[in-house]
């Protein structure tokens, strides 16, 4: 077997093992008294598969935080720092430095605008 066939086979297997997932943000913490919401995505490791590449919908996160704050009697929610500051934490296992990971984002509940 030629080296080019071996390299081609290895490349196909490596890309075939990649895992892509679109995930929704869920409530993982917060405080009604402090008026904050913490949303998160937890990406579990999948045996025999390369680390999962995650995509999400920013609008879904904004709507989820807004809904949670309104349920507590606030007017809505705003992201801290006016952007989408996602905190990513990697959990190394095996050969991958970031095989399983967690994403977190914080929102501040705000009063209704008058």
Protein backbone atom coordinates (compact mmCIF):
# COMPACT_ATOMS: atom_id res chain seq x y z
CA UNK A 1 0.00 0.00 0.00
CA UNK A 2 1.47 3.37 -0.97
CA UNK A 3 2.04 6.12 1.55
CA UNK A 4 -0.48 8.40 -0.18
CA UNK A 5 -3.27 5.85 0.31
CA UNK A 6 -2.35 5.46 3.98
CA UNK A 7 -2.38 9.25 4.49
CA UNK A 8 -5.67 9.60 2.62
CA UNK A 9 -7.29 6.86 4.71
CA UNK A 10 -6.02 8.45 7.93
CA UNK A 11 -7.38 11.86 6.87
CA UNK A 12 -10.81 10.40 6.05
CA UNK A 13 -10.97 8.58 9.38
CA UNK A 14 -9.91 11.67 11.32
CA UNK A 15 -12.52 13.90 9.72
CA UNK A 16 -15.16 11.18 9.91
CA UNK A 17 -14.78 11.06 13.67
CA UNK A 18 -15.50 14.74 14.18
CA UNK A 19 -18.75 15.40 16.00
CA UNK A 20 -20.81 18.56 15.45
CA UNK A 21 -23.79 19.51 17.57
CA UNK A 22 -26.17 22.47 17.74
CA UNK A 23 -27.14 22.88 21.37
CA UNK A 24 -29.60 25.10 23.25
CA UNK A 25 -28.74 27.17 26.30
CA UNK A 26 -30.34 25.98 29.56
CA UNK A 27 -30.61 27.46 33.04
CA UNK A 28 -27.75 26.24 35.24
CA UNK A 29 -27.81 28.87 37.98
CA UNK A 30 -28.74 32.33 39.09
CA UNK A 31 -30.41 34.24 41.87
CA UNK A 32 -33.75 36.00 42.00
CA UNK A 33 -32.51 38.15 44.89
CA UNK A 34 -29.43 39.23 42.92
CA UNK A 35 -31.36 39.39 39.66
CA UNK A 36 -29.00 37.29 37.62
CA UNK A 37 -29.32 34.28 35.34
CA UNK A 38 -26.60 31.83 34.35
CA UNK A 39 -27.21 29.82 31.21
CA UNK A 40 -25.05 26.91 30.18
CA UNK A 41 -24.28 24.19 27.71
CA UNK A 42 -22.59 21.00 28.95
CA UNK A 43 -20.89 18.96 26.24
CA UNK A 44 -20.25 15.39 27.38
CA UNK A 45 -17.41 13.32 25.94
CA UNK A 46 -18.35 10.71 23.36
CA UNK A 47 -16.16 7.62 23.43
CA UNK A 48 -14.26 6.96 20.21
CA UNK A 49 -15.11 10.35 18.73
CA UNK A 50 -13.04 13.50 18.51
CA UNK A 51 -14.09 16.45 20.63
CA UNK A 52 -17.50 17.87 19.83
CA UNK A 53 -17.68 21.18 17.99
CA UNK A 54 -20.66 23.10 19.35
CA UNK A 55 -22.75 25.79 17.70
CA UNK A 56 -25.58 27.72 19.32
CA UNK A 57 -28.11 30.40 18.61
CA UNK A 58 -27.42 33.70 20.35
CA UNK A 59 -31.06 34.75 20.04
CA UNK A 60 -32.21 31.54 21.77
CA UNK A 61 -29.96 32.39 24.75
CA UNK A 62 -31.29 35.95 24.89
CA UNK A 63 -34.90 34.77 24.78
CA UNK A 64 -34.32 32.10 27.45
CA UNK A 65 -32.72 34.59 29.85
CA UNK A 66 -35.41 37.16 29.15
CA UNK A 67 -38.15 34.60 29.84
CA UNK A 68 -36.52 33.51 33.11
CA UNK A 69 -36.17 37.09 34.37
CA UNK A 70 -39.77 37.92 33.43
CA UNK A 71 -40.94 34.86 35.37
CA UNK A 72 -39.28 36.44 38.43
CA UNK A 73 -41.13 39.72 37.88
CA UNK A 74 -38.37 41.66 36.11
CA UNK A 75 -38.82 43.46 32.82
CA UNK A 76 -36.22 41.38 30.97
CA UNK A 77 -32.56 40.43 30.80
CA UNK A 78 -29.35 41.97 29.53
CA UNK A 79 -26.02 40.27 28.91
CA UNK A 80 -23.12 41.42 31.04
CA UNK A 81 -20.68 43.67 29.17
CA UNK A 82 -23.09 44.23 26.27
CA UNK A 83 -21.73 41.36 24.20
CA UNK A 84 -21.92 37.58 24.17
CA UNK A 85 -19.18 36.76 26.74
CA UNK A 86 -19.16 32.97 26.71
CA UNK A 87 -16.96 31.35 29.33
CA UNK A 88 -15.60 28.06 28.00
CA UNK A 89 -14.06 25.52 30.37
CA UNK A 90 -12.26 22.48 28.97
CA UNK A 91 -12.03 19.13 30.73
CA UNK A 92 -9.05 17.25 29.27
CA UNK A 93 -9.32 13.50 28.89
CA UNK A 94 -7.17 11.10 26.93
CA UNK A 95 -5.34 12.79 24.06
CA UNK A 96 -7.73 15.72 23.72
CA UNK A 97 -7.12 18.91 25.71
CA UNK A 98 -10.81 19.80 25.43
CA UNK A 99 -12.76 16.58 24.98
CA UNK A 100 -15.67 17.51 27.21
CA UNK A 101 -16.46 21.13 27.94
CA UNK A 102 -18.87 23.52 29.54
CA UNK A 103 -20.03 26.91 28.32
CA UNK A 104 -21.51 29.57 30.61
CA UNK A 105 -23.00 33.01 30.06
CA UNK A 106 -24.41 35.44 32.61
CA UNK A 107 -27.32 37.85 32.34
CA UNK A 108 -28.54 40.62 34.60
CA UNK A 109 -32.30 40.92 35.12
CA UNK A 110 -33.48 44.48 34.57
CA UNK A 111 -36.63 46.41 35.40
CA UNK A 112 -39.14 47.21 32.68
CA UNK A 113 -38.38 50.40 30.79
CA UNK A 114 -40.84 53.17 31.51
